[in-house]
Amino acid sequence: MADAADLLQVADQFAQDLVANNIAALMPMFTPVGIGQAMALQAQPDSAEGSDEYEIADQGDHLLHITFRGDDGEGTIYTQWVEVEGLWKVDAIGRLD
């Protein structure tokens, strides 16, 4: 069973992959529900790609807010994580601002 410390490590790699726009690494990070929401989010004009830094805030109950900062300002997304066969996956994602 995965634990909260594992979740924060996975979320950190997830945020790095978002900044790098590493689609190949991101795809397996989502549940089927989460991937649909991620695709809708990616279609919006602002993205995390190229951000200079990010911060992860644990909201409890496997809900994490990730704030990305760069030359164009900052933006925050929420990610709701679930454990699937011992791995953490994003089941919900969206913009907070």
N, C-alpha and C. Protein backbone atom coordinates (compact mmCIF):
# COMPACT_ATOMS: atom_id res chain seq x y z
N MET A 1 0.84 -1.19 0.00
CA MET A 1 0.00 0.00 0.00
C MET A 1 0.89 1.25 0.00
N ALA A 2 0.58 2.19 -0.87
CA ALA A 2 1.32 3.44 -0.96
C ALA A 2 0.95 4.33 0.23
N ASP A 3 1.89 5.20 0.65
CA ASP A 3 1.59 6.08 1.77
C ASP A 3 1.72 7.54 1.35
N ALA A 4 1.47 8.45 2.31
CA ALA A 4 1.45 9.88 2.02
C ALA A 4 2.82 10.39 1.56
N ALA A 5 3.90 9.86 2.14
CA ALA A 5 5.24 10.28 1.71
C ALA A 5 5.48 9.88 0.26
N ASP A 6 5.04 8.67 -0.10
CA ASP A 6 5.14 8.24 -1.50
C ASP A 6 4.34 9.17 -2.40
N LEU A 7 3.17 9.58 -1.95
CA LEU A 7 2.32 10.47 -2.74
C LEU A 7 3.04 11.77 -3.04
N LEU A 8 3.69 12.36 -2.06
CA LEU A 8 4.38 13.63 -2.28
C LEU A 8 5.56 13.45 -3.25
N GLN A 9 6.24 12.32 -3.19
CA GLN A 9 7.32 12.05 -4.15
C GLN A 9 6.77 11.90 -5.56
N VAL A 10 5.68 11.18 -5.69
CA VAL A 10 5.04 10.98 -6.99
C VAL A 10 4.53 12.32 -7.53
N ALA A 11 3.93 13.13 -6.66
CA ALA A 11 3.40 14.43 -7.08
C ALA A 11 4.53 15.36 -7.51
N ASP A 12 5.68 15.27 -6.86
CA ASP A 12 6.82 16.09 -7.24
C ASP A 12 7.28 15.73 -8.65
N GLN A 13 7.38 14.43 -8.94
CA GLN A 13 7.77 14.00 -10.29
C GLN A 13 6.71 14.42 -11.30
N PHE A 14 5.44 14.32 -10.92
CA PHE A 14 4.32 14.73 -11.77
C PHE A 14 4.46 16.21 -12.14
N ALA A 15 4.75 17.06 -11.14
CA ALA A 15 4.90 18.49 -11.39
C ALA A 15 6.09 18.75 -12.31
N GLN A 16 7.19 18.05 -12.10
CA GLN A 16 8.36 18.20 -12.98
C GLN A 16 8.00 17.82 -14.42
N ASP A 17 7.24 16.75 -14.57
CA ASP A 17 6.85 16.31 -15.91
C ASP A 17 5.88 17.30 -16.56
N LEU A 18 5.04 17.94 -15.76
CA LEU A 18 4.16 18.98 -16.31
C LEU A 18 4.98 20.16 -16.83
N VAL A 19 5.96 20.60 -16.05
CA VAL A 19 6.80 21.72 -16.46
C VAL A 19 7.55 21.37 -17.74
N ALA A 20 8.04 20.13 -17.84
CA ALA A 20 8.79 19.69 -19.01
C ALA A 20 7.88 19.28 -20.17
N ASN A 21 6.57 19.25 -19.94
CA ASN A 21 5.59 18.79 -20.93
C ASN A 21 5.95 17.39 -21.41
N ASN A 22 6.31 16.53 -20.47
CA ASN A 22 6.72 15.15 -20.75
C ASN A 22 5.47 14.26 -20.81
N ILE A 23 4.81 14.29 -21.94
CA ILE A 23 3.54 13.58 -22.12
C ILE A 23 3.70 12.08 -21.90
N ALA A 24 4.80 11.50 -22.37
CA ALA A 24 5.00 10.05 -22.22
C ALA A 24 5.03 9.64 -20.74
N ALA A 25 5.64 10.46 -19.91
CA ALA A 25 5.69 10.14 -18.47
C ALA A 25 4.37 10.46 -17.78
N LEU A 26 3.63 11.43 -18.29
CA LEU A 26 2.38 11.85 -17.65
C LEU A 26 1.22 10.89 -17.90
N MET A 27 1.14 10.32 -19.09
CA MET A 27 -0.02 9.49 -19.46
C MET A 27 -0.33 8.39 -18.45
N PRO A 28 0.64 7.61 -17.98
CA PRO A 28 0.30 6.54 -17.04
C PRO A 28 -0.02 7.04 -15.63
N MET A 29 0.11 8.34 -15.40
CA MET A 29 -0.15 8.90 -14.06
C MET A 29 -1.64 9.13 -13.80
N PHE A 30 -2.48 8.92 -14.80
CA PHE A 30 -3.90 9.24 -14.68
C PHE A 30 -4.79 8.01 -14.70
N THR A 31 -5.91 8.11 -13.99
CA THR A 31 -6.99 7.14 -14.14
C THR A 31 -7.73 7.52 -15.42
N PRO A 32 -8.63 6.67 -15.92
CA PRO A 32 -9.41 7.04 -17.10
C PRO A 32 -10.20 8.35 -16.91
N VAL A 33 -10.75 8.56 -15.73
CA VAL A 33 -11.48 9.80 -15.46
C VAL A 33 -10.52 10.98 -15.47
N GLY A 34 -9.38 10.82 -14.81
CA GLY A 34 -8.40 11.89 -14.72
C GLY A 34 -7.82 12.30 -16.06
N ILE A 35 -7.60 11.34 -16.96
CA ILE A 35 -7.00 11.68 -18.25
C ILE A 35 -7.94 12.56 -19.08
N GLY A 36 -9.23 12.32 -18.98
CA GLY A 36 -10.19 13.18 -19.68
C GLY A 36 -10.14 14.61 -19.17
N GLN A 37 -10.06 14.76 -17.87
CA GLN A 37 -9.98 16.11 -17.28
C GLN A 37 -8.65 16.76 -17.64
N ALA A 38 -7.58 15.98 -17.68
CA ALA A 38 -6.26 16.53 -18.03
C ALA A 38 -6.25 17.03 -19.47
N MET A 39 -6.89 16.29 -20.36
CA MET A 39 -6.95 16.71 -21.76
C MET A 39 -7.74 18.01 -21.90
N ALA A 40 -8.81 18.15 -21.16
CA ALA A 40 -9.59 19.39 -21.19
C ALA A 40 -8.76 20.55 -20.63
N LEU A 41 -8.01 20.28 -19.58
CA LEU A 41 -7.16 21.31 -18.97
C LEU A 41 -6.05 21.72 -19.93
N GLN A 42 -5.46 20.77 -20.62
CA GLN A 42 -4.37 21.06 -21.55
C GLN A 42 -4.84 21.93 -22.71
N ALA A 43 -6.11 21.85 -23.05
CA ALA A 43 -6.66 22.63 -24.16
C ALA A 43 -6.79 24.12 -23.80
N GLN A 44 -6.69 24.45 -22.53
CA GLN A 44 -6.79 25.85 -22.11
C GLN A 44 -5.48 26.56 -22.42
N PRO A 45 -5.52 27.90 -22.55
CA PRO A 45 -4.34 28.63 -23.00
C PRO A 45 -3.15 28.62 -22.05
N ASP A 46 -3.36 28.66 -20.75
CA ASP A 46 -2.24 28.68 -19.79
C ASP A 46 -1.84 27.25 -19.44
N SER A 47 -0.56 27.03 -19.28
CA SER A 47 -0.09 25.71 -18.87
C SER A 47 1.10 25.86 -17.95
N ALA A 48 1.51 24.76 -17.35
CA ALA A 48 2.67 24.76 -16.45
C ALA A 48 3.97 24.70 -17.23
N GLU A 49 3.90 24.38 -18.50
CA GLU A 49 5.11 24.18 -19.30
C GLU A 49 6.03 25.40 -19.22
N GLY A 50 7.28 25.15 -18.92
CA GLY A 50 8.27 26.22 -18.88
C GLY A 50 8.27 27.03 -17.60
N SER A 51 7.49 26.66 -16.60
CA SER A 51 7.50 27.38 -15.34
C SER A 51 8.89 27.31 -14.71
N ASP A 52 9.22 28.33 -13.94
CA ASP A 52 10.52 28.38 -13.27
C ASP A 52 10.53 27.57 -11.99
N GLU A 53 9.39 27.50 -11.32
CA GLU A 53 9.31 26.78 -10.05
C GLU A 53 7.87 26.37 -9.79
N TYR A 54 7.72 25.49 -8.82
CA TYR A 54 6.39 25.05 -8.42
C TYR A 54 6.40 24.73 -6.93
N GLU A 55 5.23 24.73 -6.35
CA GLU A 55 5.07 24.42 -4.93
C GLU A 55 3.87 23.51 -4.78
N ILE A 56 4.02 22.46 -3.97
CA ILE A 56 2.95 21.50 -3.74
C ILE A 56 2.42 21.70 -2.33
N ALA A 57 1.11 21.89 -2.20
CA ALA A 57 0.48 22.06 -0.90
C ALA A 57 -0.49 20.92 -0.66
N ASP A 58 -0.25 20.15 0.38
CA ASP A 58 -1.10 19.01 0.75
C ASP A 58 -2.34 19.53 1.46
N GLN A 59 -3.50 19.28 0.87
CA GLN A 59 -4.77 19.74 1.43
C GLN A 59 -5.44 18.66 2.29
N GLY A 60 -4.80 17.51 2.39
CA GLY A 60 -5.37 16.39 3.14
C GLY A 60 -6.26 15.55 2.24
N ASP A 61 -6.52 14.34 2.66
CA ASP A 61 -7.39 13.42 1.95
C ASP A 61 -6.97 13.20 0.49
N HIS A 62 -5.63 13.19 0.27
CA HIS A 62 -5.03 12.92 -1.04
C HIS A 62 -5.34 14.00 -2.08
N LEU A 63 -5.64 15.20 -1.61
CA LEU A 63 -5.87 16.35 -2.48
C LEU A 63 -4.65 17.25 -2.39
N LEU A 64 -4.01 17.51 -3.53
CA LEU A 64 -2.83 18.36 -3.57
C LEU A 64 -3.07 19.54 -4.50
N HIS A 65 -2.66 20.72 -4.06
CA HIS A 65 -2.67 21.90 -4.91
C HIS A 65 -1.24 22.13 -5.37
N ILE A 66 -1.06 22.35 -6.66
CA ILE A 66 0.27 22.60 -7.21
C ILE A 66 0.24 23.98 -7.87
N THR A 67 1.10 24.88 -7.35
CA THR A 67 1.19 26.23 -7.88
C THR A 67 2.46 26.33 -8.72
N PHE A 68 2.29 26.76 -9.97
CA PHE A 68 3.40 26.93 -10.90
C PHE A 68 3.67 28.42 -11.06
N ARG A 69 4.95 28.80 -11.04
CA ARG A 69 5.34 30.20 -11.20
C ARG A 69 6.35 30.33 -12.34
N GLY A 70 6.18 31.40 -13.11
CA GLY A 70 7.09 31.66 -14.23
C GLY A 70 7.02 33.11 -14.63
N ASP A 71 7.62 33.43 -15.75
CA ASP A 71 7.64 34.81 -16.24
C ASP A 71 6.24 35.35 -16.50
N ASP A 72 5.30 34.47 -16.82
CA ASP A 72 3.94 34.90 -17.14
C ASP A 72 3.04 34.95 -15.91
N GLY A 73 3.60 34.82 -14.72
CA GLY A 73 2.79 34.85 -13.50
C GLY A 73 2.72 33.49 -12.86
N GLU A 74 1.60 33.23 -12.19
CA GLU A 74 1.45 31.94 -11.53
C GLU A 74 0.04 31.42 -11.69
N GLY A 75 -0.08 30.12 -11.54
CA GLY A 75 -1.37 29.46 -11.62
C GLY A 75 -1.36 28.23 -10.75
N THR A 76 -2.53 27.86 -10.25
CA THR A 76 -2.63 26.71 -9.35
C THR A 76 -3.65 25.72 -9.89
N ILE A 77 -3.28 24.44 -9.81
CA ILE A 77 -4.19 23.36 -10.16
C ILE A 77 -4.44 22.51 -8.92
N TYR A 78 -5.56 21.82 -8.90
CA TYR A 78 -5.79 20.83 -7.86
C TYR A 78 -5.63 19.45 -8.50
N THR A 79 -5.15 18.51 -7.71
CA THR A 79 -5.05 17.12 -8.16
C THR A 79 -5.57 16.23 -7.04
N GLN A 80 -6.52 15.40 -7.36
CA GLN A 80 -7.05 14.42 -6.41
C GLN A 80 -6.46 13.07 -6.79
N TRP A 81 -5.78 12.44 -5.84
CA TRP A 81 -5.06 11.20 -6.10
C TRP A 81 -5.77 10.01 -5.48
N VAL A 82 -5.69 8.88 -6.18
CA VAL A 82 -6.22 7.61 -5.67
C VAL A 82 -5.14 6.55 -5.86
N GLU A 83 -5.22 5.53 -5.03
CA GLU A 83 -4.28 4.42 -5.16
C GLU A 83 -4.90 3.35 -6.04
N VAL A 84 -4.18 2.95 -7.08
CA VAL A 84 -4.63 1.91 -7.99
C VAL A 84 -3.53 0.85 -8.07
N GLU A 85 -3.82 -0.32 -7.55
CA GLU A 85 -2.87 -1.43 -7.55
C GLU A 85 -1.50 -1.02 -7.01
N GLY A 86 -1.51 -0.28 -5.91
CA GLY A 86 -0.28 0.12 -5.24
C GLY A 86 0.42 1.34 -5.82
N LEU A 87 -0.17 1.97 -6.83
CA LEU A 87 0.42 3.17 -7.45
C LEU A 87 -0.52 4.36 -7.29
N TRP A 88 0.06 5.54 -7.05
CA TRP A 88 -0.74 6.76 -6.97
C TRP A 88 -1.05 7.26 -8.38
N LYS A 89 -2.33 7.59 -8.61
CA LYS A 89 -2.76 8.11 -9.91
C LYS A 89 -3.69 9.31 -9.70
N VAL A 90 -3.66 10.23 -10.65
CA VAL A 90 -4.52 11.42 -10.60
C VAL A 90 -5.90 11.01 -11.11
N ASP A 91 -6.91 11.18 -10.25
CA ASP A 91 -8.28 10.85 -10.60
C ASP A 91 -9.11 12.09 -10.93
N ALA A 92 -8.62 13.26 -10.51
CA ALA A 92 -9.28 14.52 -10.83
C ALA A 92 -8.23 15.61 -10.89
N ILE A 93 -8.39 16.51 -11.84
CA ILE A 93 -7.45 17.63 -12.01
C ILE A 93 -8.20 18.81 -12.59
N GLY A 94 -7.83 20.00 -12.15
CA GLY A 94 -8.48 21.21 -12.67
C GLY A 94 -7.76 22.45 -12.18
N ARG A 95 -8.14 23.55 -12.73
CA ARG A 95 -7.55 24.85 -12.40
C ARG A 95 -8.28 25.47 -11.21
N LEU A 96 -7.51 26.10 -10.32
CA LEU A 96 -8.11 26.74 -9.15
C LEU A 96 -8.33 28.23 -9.33
N ASP A 97 -7.55 28.89 -10.19
CA ASP A 97 -7.65 30.34 -10.24
C ASP A 97 -8.76 30.84 -11.07
